[in-house]
Amino acid sequence: QVQLVESGGGSVQAGGSLRLSCATSGRTFGENTMGWFRQAPGKEREFVATITWSAWGSGRAEYADSVKGRFTISRDNANNAVYLQMNSLRPEDTAVYYCAARPGRTTPYKNDYDSWGQGTQVTVSS
């Protein structure tokens, strides 16, 4: 498994931006996919974005339709970190955001991920 620690959450007004970070340790060999998910109160955890993680290649990213064009996932191989840049935030983006990891290819299904962070709160006010 991979140890994951998120940071960067906070409170912003609609239209604002936040950048979430996820520091990783543990399993870093081979190809690991990294993902961001979110969970709003009373709702199931949902997919936000995912990126293939490779120590020697470029990442391939996928996004949920609700965040396409507003959010960008990226990774820093040298620092074993993954980021989620969130622009044009909306009140409906309010949730706890979780970083996740899995070996293998990208997937939007949360049950396919075997490592999770503790989450970071993002609150967007109108």
N, C-alpha and C. Protein backbone atom coordinates (compact mmCIF):
# COMPACT_ATOMS: atom_id res chain seq x y z
N GLN A 1 0.82 -1.20 0.00
CA GLN A 1 0.00 0.00 0.00
C GLN A 1 0.86 1.25 0.00
N VAL A 2 0.17 2.38 -0.18
CA VAL A 2 0.83 3.68 -0.22
C VAL A 2 0.27 4.53 0.92
N GLN A 3 1.14 5.27 1.59
CA GLN A 3 0.68 6.21 2.60
C GLN A 3 0.45 7.56 1.93
N LEU A 4 -0.70 8.16 2.20
CA LEU A 4 -1.11 9.38 1.52
C LEU A 4 -1.52 10.44 2.54
N VAL A 5 -1.09 11.67 2.32
CA VAL A 5 -1.45 12.78 3.20
C VAL A 5 -1.85 13.97 2.34
N GLU A 6 -3.13 14.36 2.45
CA GLU A 6 -3.63 15.50 1.69
C GLU A 6 -3.45 16.80 2.46
N SER A 7 -3.37 17.89 1.72
CA SER A 7 -3.33 19.23 2.30
C SER A 7 -3.84 20.21 1.27
N GLY A 8 -4.12 21.45 1.72
CA GLY A 8 -4.50 22.50 0.79
C GLY A 8 -5.96 22.85 0.77
N GLY A 9 -6.78 22.13 1.53
CA GLY A 9 -8.19 22.46 1.57
C GLY A 9 -8.43 23.78 2.28
N GLY A 10 -9.67 24.27 2.19
CA GLY A 10 -10.01 25.53 2.84
C GLY A 10 -11.36 26.03 2.38
N SER A 11 -11.62 27.29 2.69
CA SER A 11 -12.88 27.92 2.34
C SER A 11 -12.63 29.02 1.33
N VAL A 12 -13.41 29.02 0.25
CA VAL A 12 -13.29 30.05 -0.78
C VAL A 12 -14.68 30.44 -1.25
N GLN A 13 -14.75 31.57 -1.91
CA GLN A 13 -16.00 31.98 -2.52
C GLN A 13 -16.11 31.38 -3.91
N ALA A 14 -17.34 31.29 -4.38
CA ALA A 14 -17.58 30.77 -5.73
C ALA A 14 -16.76 31.56 -6.74
N GLY A 15 -16.17 30.83 -7.68
CA GLY A 15 -15.31 31.43 -8.67
C GLY A 15 -13.84 31.42 -8.30
N GLY A 16 -13.56 31.10 -7.04
CA GLY A 16 -12.19 31.09 -6.57
C GLY A 16 -11.46 29.82 -6.92
N SER A 17 -10.22 29.71 -6.44
CA SER A 17 -9.36 28.58 -6.75
C SER A 17 -8.71 28.03 -5.49
N LEU A 18 -8.41 26.75 -5.53
CA LEU A 18 -7.64 26.07 -4.50
C LEU A 18 -6.76 25.04 -5.17
N ARG A 19 -5.64 24.74 -4.53
CA ARG A 19 -4.76 23.68 -5.01
C ARG A 19 -4.56 22.68 -3.89
N LEU A 20 -4.99 21.45 -4.14
CA LEU A 20 -4.81 20.38 -3.18
C LEU A 20 -3.52 19.63 -3.49
N SER A 21 -2.86 19.19 -2.43
CA SER A 21 -1.64 18.41 -2.58
C SER A 21 -1.81 17.07 -1.88
N CYS A 22 -1.12 16.06 -2.40
CA CYS A 22 -1.14 14.74 -1.79
C CYS A 22 0.29 14.22 -1.78
N ALA A 23 0.85 14.09 -0.58
CA ALA A 23 2.20 13.55 -0.43
C ALA A 23 2.11 12.05 -0.27
N THR A 24 2.98 11.32 -0.95
CA THR A 24 2.92 9.86 -0.93
C THR A 24 4.22 9.27 -0.40
N SER A 25 4.10 8.09 0.16
CA SER A 25 5.27 7.31 0.57
C SER A 25 4.86 5.85 0.57
N GLY A 26 5.87 5.00 0.51
CA GLY A 26 5.57 3.57 0.45
C GLY A 26 5.79 3.05 -0.95
N ARG A 27 4.79 2.41 -1.50
CA ARG A 27 4.91 1.80 -2.81
C ARG A 27 5.06 2.86 -3.89
N THR A 28 6.23 2.97 -4.49
CA THR A 28 6.42 3.92 -5.58
C THR A 28 7.03 3.27 -6.81
N PHE A 29 7.31 2.01 -6.75
CA PHE A 29 7.90 1.35 -7.90
C PHE A 29 6.81 1.03 -8.93
N GLY A 30 7.25 0.82 -10.15
CA GLY A 30 6.32 0.44 -11.20
C GLY A 30 5.33 1.56 -11.51
N GLU A 31 4.20 1.21 -11.99
CA GLU A 31 3.18 2.18 -12.39
C GLU A 31 2.03 2.17 -11.40
N ASN A 32 1.83 3.32 -10.76
CA ASN A 32 0.71 3.48 -9.82
C ASN A 32 -0.19 4.58 -10.32
N THR A 33 -1.45 4.31 -10.38
CA THR A 33 -2.42 5.33 -10.70
C THR A 33 -2.80 6.09 -9.43
N MET A 34 -2.90 7.41 -9.53
CA MET A 34 -3.32 8.26 -8.42
C MET A 34 -4.67 8.89 -8.76
N GLY A 35 -5.51 9.02 -7.77
CA GLY A 35 -6.83 9.58 -8.01
C GLY A 35 -7.24 10.55 -6.93
N TRP A 36 -8.17 11.42 -7.29
CA TRP A 36 -8.85 12.28 -6.34
C TRP A 36 -10.34 11.95 -6.37
N PHE A 37 -10.90 11.81 -5.19
CA PHE A 37 -12.32 11.58 -5.02
C PHE A 37 -12.85 12.62 -4.04
N ARG A 38 -14.16 12.76 -3.97
CA ARG A 38 -14.74 13.68 -3.00
C ARG A 38 -16.03 13.12 -2.46
N GLN A 39 -16.36 13.56 -1.25
CA GLN A 39 -17.59 13.09 -0.62
C GLN A 39 -18.25 14.26 0.09
N ALA A 40 -19.44 14.59 -0.36
CA ALA A 40 -20.24 15.63 0.26
C ALA A 40 -21.12 15.00 1.33
N PRO A 41 -21.60 15.79 2.31
CA PRO A 41 -22.43 15.26 3.38
C PRO A 41 -23.67 14.55 2.83
N GLY A 42 -23.90 13.34 3.30
CA GLY A 42 -25.06 12.59 2.87
C GLY A 42 -24.97 11.96 1.51
N LYS A 43 -23.81 12.07 0.87
CA LYS A 43 -23.64 11.51 -0.48
C LYS A 43 -22.51 10.49 -0.50
N GLU A 44 -22.52 9.66 -1.54
CA GLU A 44 -21.45 8.69 -1.69
C GLU A 44 -20.18 9.38 -2.20
N ARG A 45 -19.06 8.73 -1.92
CA ARG A 45 -17.79 9.22 -2.43
C ARG A 45 -17.78 9.09 -3.95
N GLU A 46 -17.39 10.16 -4.64
CA GLU A 46 -17.44 10.15 -6.09
C GLU A 46 -16.09 10.49 -6.70
N PHE A 47 -15.91 10.00 -7.91
CA PHE A 47 -14.68 10.21 -8.66
C PHE A 47 -14.55 11.66 -9.10
N VAL A 48 -13.34 12.19 -9.03
CA VAL A 48 -13.06 13.54 -9.50
C VAL A 48 -12.04 13.49 -10.65
N ALA A 49 -10.89 12.89 -10.41
CA ALA A 49 -9.84 12.86 -11.43
C ALA A 49 -8.87 11.73 -11.12
N THR A 50 -8.17 11.28 -12.14
CA THR A 50 -7.16 10.25 -11.97
C THR A 50 -6.03 10.46 -12.96
N ILE A 51 -4.84 10.04 -12.60
CA ILE A 51 -3.68 10.19 -13.47
C ILE A 51 -2.77 9.00 -13.29
N THR A 52 -2.29 8.48 -14.42
CA THR A 52 -1.34 7.39 -14.35
C THR A 52 -0.04 7.90 -13.74
N TRP A 53 0.50 7.13 -12.83
CA TRP A 53 1.74 7.50 -12.16
C TRP A 53 2.84 6.58 -12.65
N SER A 54 3.90 7.16 -13.20
CA SER A 54 5.02 6.35 -13.64
C SER A 54 6.31 7.09 -13.35
N ALA A 55 7.27 6.37 -12.87
CA ALA A 55 8.55 7.00 -12.54
C ALA A 55 9.32 7.39 -13.79
N TRP A 56 8.88 6.87 -14.94
CA TRP A 56 9.66 7.13 -16.13
C TRP A 56 8.82 7.53 -17.33
N GLY A 57 7.58 7.93 -17.09
CA GLY A 57 6.74 8.30 -18.23
C GLY A 57 5.82 9.45 -17.89
N SER A 58 5.08 9.94 -18.87
CA SER A 58 4.15 11.03 -18.65
C SER A 58 2.81 10.46 -18.19
N GLY A 59 2.05 11.27 -17.47
CA GLY A 59 0.79 10.83 -16.92
C GLY A 59 -0.36 11.01 -17.89
N ARG A 60 -1.30 10.09 -17.85
CA ARG A 60 -2.53 10.18 -18.63
C ARG A 60 -3.66 10.44 -17.65
N ALA A 61 -4.39 11.52 -17.87
CA ALA A 61 -5.40 11.96 -16.92
C ALA A 61 -6.81 11.74 -17.44
N GLU A 62 -7.73 11.51 -16.49
CA GLU A 62 -9.16 11.42 -16.79
C GLU A 62 -9.90 12.24 -15.73
N TYR A 63 -11.05 12.78 -16.12
CA TYR A 63 -11.81 13.65 -15.23
C TYR A 63 -13.29 13.28 -15.23
N ALA A 64 -13.93 13.56 -14.12
CA ALA A 64 -15.39 13.49 -14.08
C ALA A 64 -15.94 14.64 -14.93
N ASP A 65 -17.08 14.41 -15.55
CA ASP A 65 -17.67 15.44 -16.41
C ASP A 65 -17.92 16.73 -15.64
N SER A 66 -18.25 16.62 -14.37
CA SER A 66 -18.61 17.80 -13.57
C SER A 66 -17.43 18.73 -13.32
N VAL A 67 -16.20 18.26 -13.52
CA VAL A 67 -15.03 19.10 -13.23
C VAL A 67 -14.17 19.36 -14.47
N LYS A 68 -14.51 18.75 -15.59
CA LYS A 68 -13.72 18.95 -16.81
C LYS A 68 -13.65 20.42 -17.17
N GLY A 69 -12.45 20.87 -17.50
CA GLY A 69 -12.25 22.26 -17.87
C GLY A 69 -12.03 23.19 -16.70
N ARG A 70 -12.26 22.69 -15.47
CA ARG A 70 -12.07 23.52 -14.27
C ARG A 70 -10.96 22.98 -13.37
N PHE A 71 -10.84 21.67 -13.30
CA PHE A 71 -9.85 21.03 -12.43
C PHE A 71 -8.74 20.42 -13.28
N THR A 72 -7.53 20.42 -12.72
CA THR A 72 -6.40 19.80 -13.38
C THR A 72 -5.62 18.95 -12.38
N ILE A 73 -5.43 17.68 -12.70
CA ILE A 73 -4.62 16.80 -11.88
C ILE A 73 -3.22 16.73 -12.47
N SER A 74 -2.23 16.72 -11.60
CA SER A 74 -0.85 16.62 -12.07
C SER A 74 -0.04 15.88 -11.02
N ARG A 75 1.15 15.44 -11.43
CA ARG A 75 1.98 14.73 -10.45
C ARG A 75 3.44 15.16 -10.61
N ASP A 76 4.16 15.06 -9.51
CA ASP A 76 5.57 15.43 -9.45
C ASP A 76 6.34 14.18 -9.05
N ASN A 77 6.95 13.54 -10.03
CA ASN A 77 7.66 12.29 -9.76
C ASN A 77 8.82 12.48 -8.79
N ALA A 78 9.51 13.60 -8.90
CA ALA A 78 10.69 13.83 -8.06
C ALA A 78 10.31 13.92 -6.59
N ASN A 79 9.12 14.44 -6.31
CA ASN A 79 8.70 14.64 -4.93
C ASN A 79 7.59 13.69 -4.50
N ASN A 80 7.28 12.71 -5.35
CA ASN A 80 6.24 11.72 -5.02
C ASN A 80 4.96 12.40 -4.55
N ALA A 81 4.52 13.38 -5.31
CA ALA A 81 3.33 14.14 -4.92
C ALA A 81 2.36 14.24 -6.09
N VAL A 82 1.09 14.38 -5.75
CA VAL A 82 0.03 14.57 -6.73
C VAL A 82 -0.75 15.82 -6.33
N TYR A 83 -1.19 16.57 -7.32
CA TYR A 83 -1.88 17.83 -7.06
C TYR A 83 -3.23 17.86 -7.77
N LEU A 84 -4.12 18.66 -7.24
CA LEU A 84 -5.39 18.92 -7.90
C LEU A 84 -5.62 20.43 -7.87
N GLN A 85 -5.44 21.07 -9.03
CA GLN A 85 -5.71 22.49 -9.16
C GLN A 85 -7.18 22.67 -9.48
N MET A 86 -7.88 23.41 -8.64
CA MET A 86 -9.31 23.59 -8.79
C MET A 86 -9.61 25.07 -9.04
N ASN A 87 -10.12 25.37 -10.22
CA ASN A 87 -10.47 26.74 -10.60
C ASN A 87 -11.98 26.85 -10.79
N SER A 88 -12.45 28.07 -10.82
CA SER A 88 -13.87 28.34 -11.03
C SER A 88 -14.74 27.48 -10.10
N LEU A 89 -14.39 27.48 -8.85
CA LEU A 89 -15.09 26.62 -7.89
C LEU A 89 -16.54 27.04 -7.72
N ARG A 90 -17.37 26.04 -7.49
CA ARG A 90 -18.81 26.23 -7.31
C ARG A 90 -19.23 25.70 -5.96
N PRO A 91 -20.35 26.17 -5.43
CA PRO A 91 -20.82 25.64 -4.14
C PRO A 91 -20.99 24.13 -4.15
N GLU A 92 -21.37 23.57 -5.28
CA GLU A 92 -21.55 22.12 -5.37
C GLU A 92 -20.24 21.34 -5.35
N ASP A 93 -19.10 22.04 -5.38
CA ASP A 93 -17.80 21.39 -5.22
C ASP A 93 -17.46 21.17 -3.75
N THR A 94 -18.27 21.71 -2.85
CA THR A 94 -18.03 21.55 -1.42
C THR A 94 -18.07 20.07 -1.02
N ALA A 95 -17.00 19.61 -0.41
CA ALA A 95 -16.88 18.20 -0.04
C ALA A 95 -15.56 17.97 0.69
N VAL A 96 -15.41 16.78 1.24
CA VAL A 96 -14.10 16.32 1.69
C VAL A 96 -13.43 15.65 0.50
N TYR A 97 -12.24 16.07 0.19
CA TYR A 97 -11.50 15.54 -0.97
C TYR A 97 -10.46 14.54 -0.49
N TYR A 98 -10.45 13.39 -1.14
CA TYR A 98 -9.55 12.30 -0.77
C TYR A 98 -8.60 11.98 -1.92
N CYS A 99 -7.36 11.73 -1.56
CA CYS A 99 -6.37 11.22 -2.49
C CYS A 99 -6.36 9.70 -2.38
N ALA A 100 -6.17 9.02 -3.50
CA ALA A 100 -6.17 7.56 -3.50
C ALA A 100 -5.12 7.04 -4.47
N ALA A 101 -4.70 5.79 -4.24
CA ALA A 101 -3.68 5.19 -5.09
C ALA A 101 -4.01 3.73 -5.37
N ARG A 102 -3.57 3.26 -6.52
CA ARG A 102 -3.73 1.86 -6.87
C ARG A 102 -2.63 1.48 -7.86
N PRO A 103 -2.23 0.22 -7.87
CA PRO A 103 -1.31 -0.21 -8.92
C PRO A 103 -2.07 -0.41 -10.21
N GLY A 104 -1.47 -0.16 -11.34
CA GLY A 104 -2.13 -0.43 -12.61
C GLY A 104 -2.75 0.80 -13.25
N ARG A 105 -3.69 0.55 -14.13
CA ARG A 105 -4.24 1.57 -15.02
C ARG A 105 -5.24 2.48 -14.32
N THR A 106 -5.52 3.61 -14.97
CA THR A 106 -6.49 4.54 -14.42
C THR A 106 -7.88 3.91 -14.40
N THR A 107 -8.66 4.29 -13.39
CA THR A 107 -10.02 3.83 -13.25
C THR A 107 -10.77 4.83 -12.41
N PRO A 108 -12.06 5.08 -12.71
CA PRO A 108 -12.85 6.00 -11.91
C PRO A 108 -13.58 5.32 -10.74
N TYR A 109 -13.37 4.03 -10.55
CA TYR A 109 -14.12 3.28 -9.55
C TYR A 109 -13.37 3.23 -8.23
N LYS A 110 -14.00 3.75 -7.18
CA LYS A 110 -13.31 3.89 -5.90
C LYS A 110 -12.90 2.56 -5.32
N ASN A 111 -13.65 1.50 -5.58
CA ASN A 111 -13.32 0.20 -5.02
C ASN A 111 -12.06 -0.41 -5.63
N ASP A 112 -11.58 0.17 -6.71
CA ASP A 112 -10.35 -0.32 -7.36
C ASP A 112 -9.09 0.26 -6.70
N TYR A 113 -9.25 1.21 -5.81
CA TYR A 113 -8.10 1.85 -5.16
C TYR A 113 -7.86 1.19 -3.80
N ASP A 114 -6.58 0.93 -3.48
CA ASP A 114 -6.29 0.21 -2.25
C ASP A 114 -5.66 1.08 -1.16
N SER A 115 -5.40 2.35 -1.45
CA SER A 115 -4.81 3.23 -0.46
C SER A 115 -5.54 4.57 -0.49
N TRP A 116 -5.81 5.12 0.71
CA TRP A 116 -6.57 6.37 0.83
C TRP A 116 -5.93 7.28 1.87
N GLY A 117 -6.03 8.59 1.62
CA GLY A 117 -5.63 9.57 2.60
C GLY A 117 -6.77 9.84 3.56
N GLN A 118 -6.53 10.76 4.49
CA GLN A 118 -7.52 11.07 5.52
C GLN A 118 -8.54 12.09 5.05
N GLY A 119 -8.25 12.78 3.95
CA GLY A 119 -9.19 13.75 3.40
C GLY A 119 -8.89 15.18 3.83
N THR A 120 -9.29 16.12 3.00
CA THR A 120 -9.16 17.54 3.31
C THR A 120 -10.44 18.26 2.89
N GLN A 121 -10.93 19.13 3.75
CA GLN A 121 -12.23 19.78 3.52
C GLN A 121 -12.09 20.95 2.56
N VAL A 122 -12.99 21.00 1.58
CA VAL A 122 -13.10 22.15 0.68
C VAL A 122 -14.52 22.69 0.80
N THR A 123 -14.63 23.97 1.11
CA THR A 123 -15.93 24.61 1.26
C THR A 123 -16.00 25.81 0.33
N VAL A 124 -17.02 25.82 -0.52
CA VAL A 124 -17.20 26.92 -1.49
C VAL A 124 -18.51 27.61 -1.16
N SER A 125 -18.43 28.89 -0.88
CA SER A 125 -19.63 29.66 -0.54
C SER A 125 -20.08 30.49 -1.73
N SER A 126 -21.38 30.71 -1.78
CA SER A 126 -21.96 31.45 -2.92
C SER A 126 -21.97 32.94 -2.65
